[in-house]
């Protein structure tokens, strides 16, 4: 699984580098001229470095955050106090595969929610900024 994702990223990088070199004119189109080897190599290195920076600063942390949120939602159990994306707080009464039932007050008001609407587990002590 990890190797197929890595292979896709590597293929995407190669396609982008090839497209940039052809569009920028570094690669000869009809064999009439030679491109300086140093400039093409520098461009390839810069493109790979830029894509690596984007991956490690943007894509990877976002995937990590999504994975942690999914794990938190999968580990919900009866009795947990949760806060939904909309700000509703309540105690979990029932857990099913894709949905949960929560009680929001002492009057036993029950809401049926999908699991993806849970933003955090535990009581919030202060408002988010």
C-alpha atoms as a PDB file:
ATOM      1  CA  UNK A   1       0.000   0.000   0.000  1.00  0.00           C
ATOM      2  CA  UNK A   2       2.754   2.453   0.924  1.00  0.00           C
ATOM      3  CA  UNK A   3       4.753   1.594  -2.177  1.00  0.00           C
ATOM      4  CA  UNK A   4       1.862   2.244  -4.558  1.00  0.00           C
ATOM      5  CA  UNK A   5       1.354   5.723  -3.066  1.00  0.00           C
ATOM      6  CA  UNK A   6       5.083   6.405  -3.295  1.00  0.00           C
ATOM      7  CA  UNK A   7       5.089   5.212  -6.888  1.00  0.00           C
ATOM      8  CA  UNK A   8       2.201   7.568  -7.736  1.00  0.00           C
ATOM      9  CA  UNK A   9       3.998  10.527  -6.173  1.00  0.00           C
ATOM     10  CA  UNK A  10       7.211   9.653  -8.011  1.00  0.00           C
ATOM     11  CA  UNK A  11       5.344   9.349 -11.327  1.00  0.00           C
ATOM     12  CA  UNK A  12       3.659  12.697 -10.736  1.00  0.00           C
ATOM     13  CA  UNK A  13       7.011  14.340 -10.019  1.00  0.00           C
ATOM     14  CA  UNK A  14       8.499  12.924 -13.205  1.00  0.00           C
ATOM     15  CA  UNK A  15       5.545  14.120 -15.279  1.00  0.00           C
ATOM     16  CA  UNK A  16       5.741  17.631 -13.830  1.00  0.00           C
ATOM     17  CA  UNK A  17       9.490  17.837 -14.405  1.00  0.00           C
ATOM     18  CA  UNK A  18       9.138  16.604 -17.966  1.00  0.00           C
ATOM     19  CA  UNK A  19       6.335  19.066 -18.692  1.00  0.00           C
ATOM     20  CA  UNK A  20       8.288  21.982 -17.252  1.00  0.00           C
ATOM     21  CA  UNK A  21      11.428  21.151 -19.219  1.00  0.00           C
ATOM     22  CA  UNK A  22       9.520  20.800 -22.497  1.00  0.00           C
ATOM     23  CA  UNK A  23       7.509  23.993 -21.982  1.00  0.00           C
ATOM     24  CA  UNK A  24      10.504  26.052 -20.867  1.00  0.00           C
ATOM     25  CA  UNK A  25      12.487  25.045 -23.924  1.00  0.00           C
ATOM     26  CA  UNK A  26      15.301  23.293 -22.087  1.00  0.00           C
ATOM     27  CA  UNK A  27      14.771  20.095 -24.027  1.00  0.00           C
ATOM     28  CA  UNK A  28      15.328  20.372 -27.775  1.00  0.00           C
ATOM     29  CA  UNK A  29      12.079  19.835 -29.670  1.00  0.00           C
ATOM     30  CA  UNK A  30      13.406  18.735 -33.057  1.00  0.00           C
ATOM     31  CA  UNK A  31      17.025  17.917 -32.328  1.00  0.00           C
ATOM     32  CA  UNK A  32      18.321  21.139 -33.856  1.00  0.00           C
ATOM     33  CA  UNK A  33      20.053  22.406 -30.738  1.00  0.00           C
ATOM     34  CA  UNK A  34      21.599  21.194 -27.572  1.00  0.00           C
ATOM     35  CA  UNK A  35      20.315  22.308 -24.186  1.00  0.00           C
ATOM     36  CA  UNK A  36      22.938  23.103 -21.590  1.00  0.00           C
ATOM     37  CA  UNK A  37      23.158  20.067 -19.305  1.00  0.00           C
ATOM     38  CA  UNK A  38      23.696  22.125 -16.155  1.00  0.00           C
ATOM     39  CA  UNK A  39      20.522  24.217 -16.497  1.00  0.00           C
ATOM     40  CA  UNK A  40      18.308  21.190 -17.078  1.00  0.00           C
ATOM     41  CA  UNK A  41      19.776  19.366 -14.118  1.00  0.00           C
ATOM     42  CA  UNK A  42      19.382  22.417 -11.899  1.00  0.00           C
ATOM     43  CA  UNK A  43      15.763  22.784 -12.934  1.00  0.00           C
ATOM     44  CA  UNK A  44      15.025  19.136 -12.206  1.00  0.00           C
ATOM     45  CA  UNK A  45      16.664  19.390  -8.786  1.00  0.00           C
ATOM     46  CA  UNK A  46      14.705  22.566  -7.968  1.00  0.00           C
ATOM     47  CA  UNK A  47      11.402  20.998  -9.022  1.00  0.00           C
ATOM     48  CA  UNK A  48      12.029  17.882  -6.939  1.00  0.00           C
ATOM     49  CA  UNK A  49      13.031  20.020  -3.965  1.00  0.00           C
ATOM     50  CA  UNK A  50       9.929  22.186  -4.317  1.00  0.00           C
ATOM     51  CA  UNK A  51       7.619  19.176  -4.498  1.00  0.00           C
ATOM     52  CA  UNK A  52       9.349  17.622  -1.481  1.00  0.00           C
ATOM     53  CA  UNK A  53       8.853  20.832   0.508  1.00  0.00           C
ATOM     54  CA  UNK A  54       5.172  20.920  -0.413  1.00  0.00           C
ATOM     55  CA  UNK A  55       4.807  17.274   0.585  1.00  0.00           C
ATOM     56  CA  UNK A  56       6.489  17.598   3.975  1.00  0.00           C
ATOM     57  CA  UNK A  57       4.968  20.966   4.884  1.00  0.00           C
ATOM     58  CA  UNK A  58       1.438  20.654   3.486  1.00  0.00           C
ATOM     59  CA  UNK A  59       0.334  17.194   2.420  1.00  0.00           C
ATOM     60  CA  UNK A  60       1.877  14.968   5.089  1.00  0.00           C
ATOM     61  CA  UNK A  61       0.672  16.945   8.159  1.00  0.00           C
ATOM     62  CA  UNK A  62      -2.844  17.151   6.721  1.00  0.00           C
ATOM     63  CA  UNK A  63      -2.958  13.391   6.149  1.00  0.00           C
ATOM     64  CA  UNK A  64      -1.701  12.829   9.694  1.00  0.00           C
ATOM     65  CA  UNK A  65      -4.417  15.077  11.102  1.00  0.00           C
ATOM     66  CA  UNK A  66      -7.116  13.277   9.099  1.00  0.00           C
ATOM     67  CA  UNK A  67      -5.852   9.899  10.273  1.00  0.00           C
ATOM     68  CA  UNK A  68      -5.907  10.999  13.948  1.00  0.00           C
ATOM     69  CA  UNK A  69      -9.442  12.399  13.608  1.00  0.00           C
ATOM     70  CA  UNK A  70     -10.652   9.166  12.004  1.00  0.00           C
ATOM     71  CA  UNK A  71      -9.037   7.105  14.753  1.00  0.00           C
ATOM     72  CA  UNK A  72     -10.686   9.300  17.405  1.00  0.00           C
ATOM     73  CA  UNK A  73     -14.088   8.814  15.764  1.00  0.00           C
ATOM     74  CA  UNK A  74     -13.576   5.064  15.452  1.00  0.00           C
ATOM     75  CA  UNK A  75     -12.717   4.794  19.172  1.00  0.00           C
ATOM     76  CA  UNK A  76     -15.880   6.518  20.429  1.00  0.00           C
ATOM     77  CA  UNK A  77     -17.615   4.607  23.210  1.00  0.00           C
ATOM     78  CA  UNK A  78     -20.730   4.954  25.331  1.00  0.00           C
ATOM     79  CA  UNK A  79     -20.263   7.552  28.069  1.00  0.00           C
ATOM     80  CA  UNK A  80     -17.782   9.784  26.201  1.00  0.00           C
ATOM     81  CA  UNK A  81     -18.479  13.510  26.259  1.00  0.00           C
ATOM     82  CA  UNK A  82     -18.146  14.948  22.767  1.00  0.00           C
ATOM     83  CA  UNK A  83     -18.367  18.235  20.901  1.00  0.00           C
ATOM     84  CA  UNK A  84     -19.670  18.277  17.347  1.00  0.00           C
ATOM     85  CA  UNK A  85     -18.441  20.403  14.474  1.00  0.00           C
ATOM     86  CA  UNK A  86     -21.460  22.659  15.023  1.00  0.00           C
ATOM     87  CA  UNK A  87     -20.624  23.155  18.712  1.00  0.00           C
ATOM     88  CA  UNK A  88     -23.220  20.835  20.256  1.00  0.00           C
ATOM     89  CA  UNK A  89     -21.936  19.121  23.373  1.00  0.00           C
ATOM     90  CA  UNK A  90     -23.351  15.877  24.717  1.00  0.00           C
ATOM     91  CA  UNK A  91     -22.753  12.432  26.137  1.00  0.00           C
ATOM     92  CA  UNK A  92     -22.639   9.388  23.838  1.00  0.00           C
ATOM     93  CA  UNK A  93     -25.534   6.991  24.498  1.00  0.00           C
ATOM     94  CA  UNK A  94     -25.228   4.627  21.542  1.00  0.00           C
ATOM     95  CA  UNK A  95     -22.535   3.884  18.967  1.00  0.00           C
ATOM     96  CA  UNK A  96     -23.191   2.241  15.598  1.00  0.00           C
ATOM     97  CA  UNK A  97     -20.978   1.730  12.563  1.00  0.00           C
ATOM     98  CA  UNK A  98     -21.470   5.163  10.986  1.00  0.00           C
ATOM     99  CA  UNK A  99     -23.614   7.005  13.512  1.00  0.00           C
ATOM    100  CA  UNK A 100     -23.946   7.829  17.191  1.00  0.00           C
ATOM    101  CA  UNK A 101     -26.727   8.942  19.524  1.00  0.00           C
ATOM    102  CA  UNK A 102     -25.961  11.617  22.110  1.00  0.00           C
ATOM    103  CA  UNK A 103     -27.866  13.172  25.015  1.00  0.00           C
ATOM    104  CA  UNK A 104     -27.459  16.929  25.153  1.00  0.00           C
ATOM    105  CA  UNK A 105     -29.117  17.846  28.459  1.00  0.00           C
ATOM    106  CA  UNK A 106     -30.612  16.507  31.661  1.00  0.00           C
ATOM    107  CA  UNK A 107     -34.004  16.443  29.901  1.00  0.00           C
ATOM    108  CA  UNK A 108     -32.680  13.473  27.901  1.00  0.00           C
ATOM    109  CA  UNK A 109     -32.821  15.232  24.550  1.00  0.00           C
ATOM    110  CA  UNK A 110     -31.276  12.768  22.105  1.00  0.00           C
ATOM    111  CA  UNK A 111     -29.675  13.561  18.775  1.00  0.00           C
ATOM    112  CA  UNK A 112     -28.730  11.079  16.064  1.00  0.00           C
ATOM    113  CA  UNK A 113     -25.471  12.156  14.408  1.00  0.00           C
ATOM    114  CA  UNK A 114     -23.049  10.745  11.914  1.00  0.00           C
ATOM    115  CA  UNK A 115     -19.579  10.010  13.251  1.00  0.00           C
ATOM    116  CA  UNK A 116     -17.852  12.476  10.947  1.00  0.00           C
ATOM    117  CA  UNK A 117     -19.630  15.353  12.739  1.00  0.00           C
ATOM    118  CA  UNK A 118     -17.644  14.758  15.953  1.00  0.00           C
ATOM    119  CA  UNK A 119     -14.845  17.285  16.325  1.00  0.00           C
ATOM    120  CA  UNK A 120     -13.449  16.422  19.757  1.00  0.00           C
ATOM    121  CA  UNK A 121     -13.830  14.036  22.645  1.00  0.00           C
ATOM    122  CA  UNK A 122     -13.838  15.375  26.198  1.00  0.00           C
ATOM    123  CA  UNK A 123     -15.219  18.528  27.731  1.00  0.00           C
ATOM    124  CA  UNK A 124     -14.108  21.851  26.341  1.00  0.00           C
ATOM    125  CA  UNK A 125     -12.929  24.164  29.107  1.00  0.00           C
ATOM    126  CA  UNK A 126     -12.690  27.322  27.019  1.00  0.00           C
ATOM    127  CA  UNK A 127     -13.832  28.592  23.664  1.00  0.00           C
ATOM    128  CA  UNK A 128     -11.588  27.952  20.657  1.00  0.00           C
ATOM    129  CA  UNK A 129      -9.943  31.033  19.196  1.00  0.00           C
END
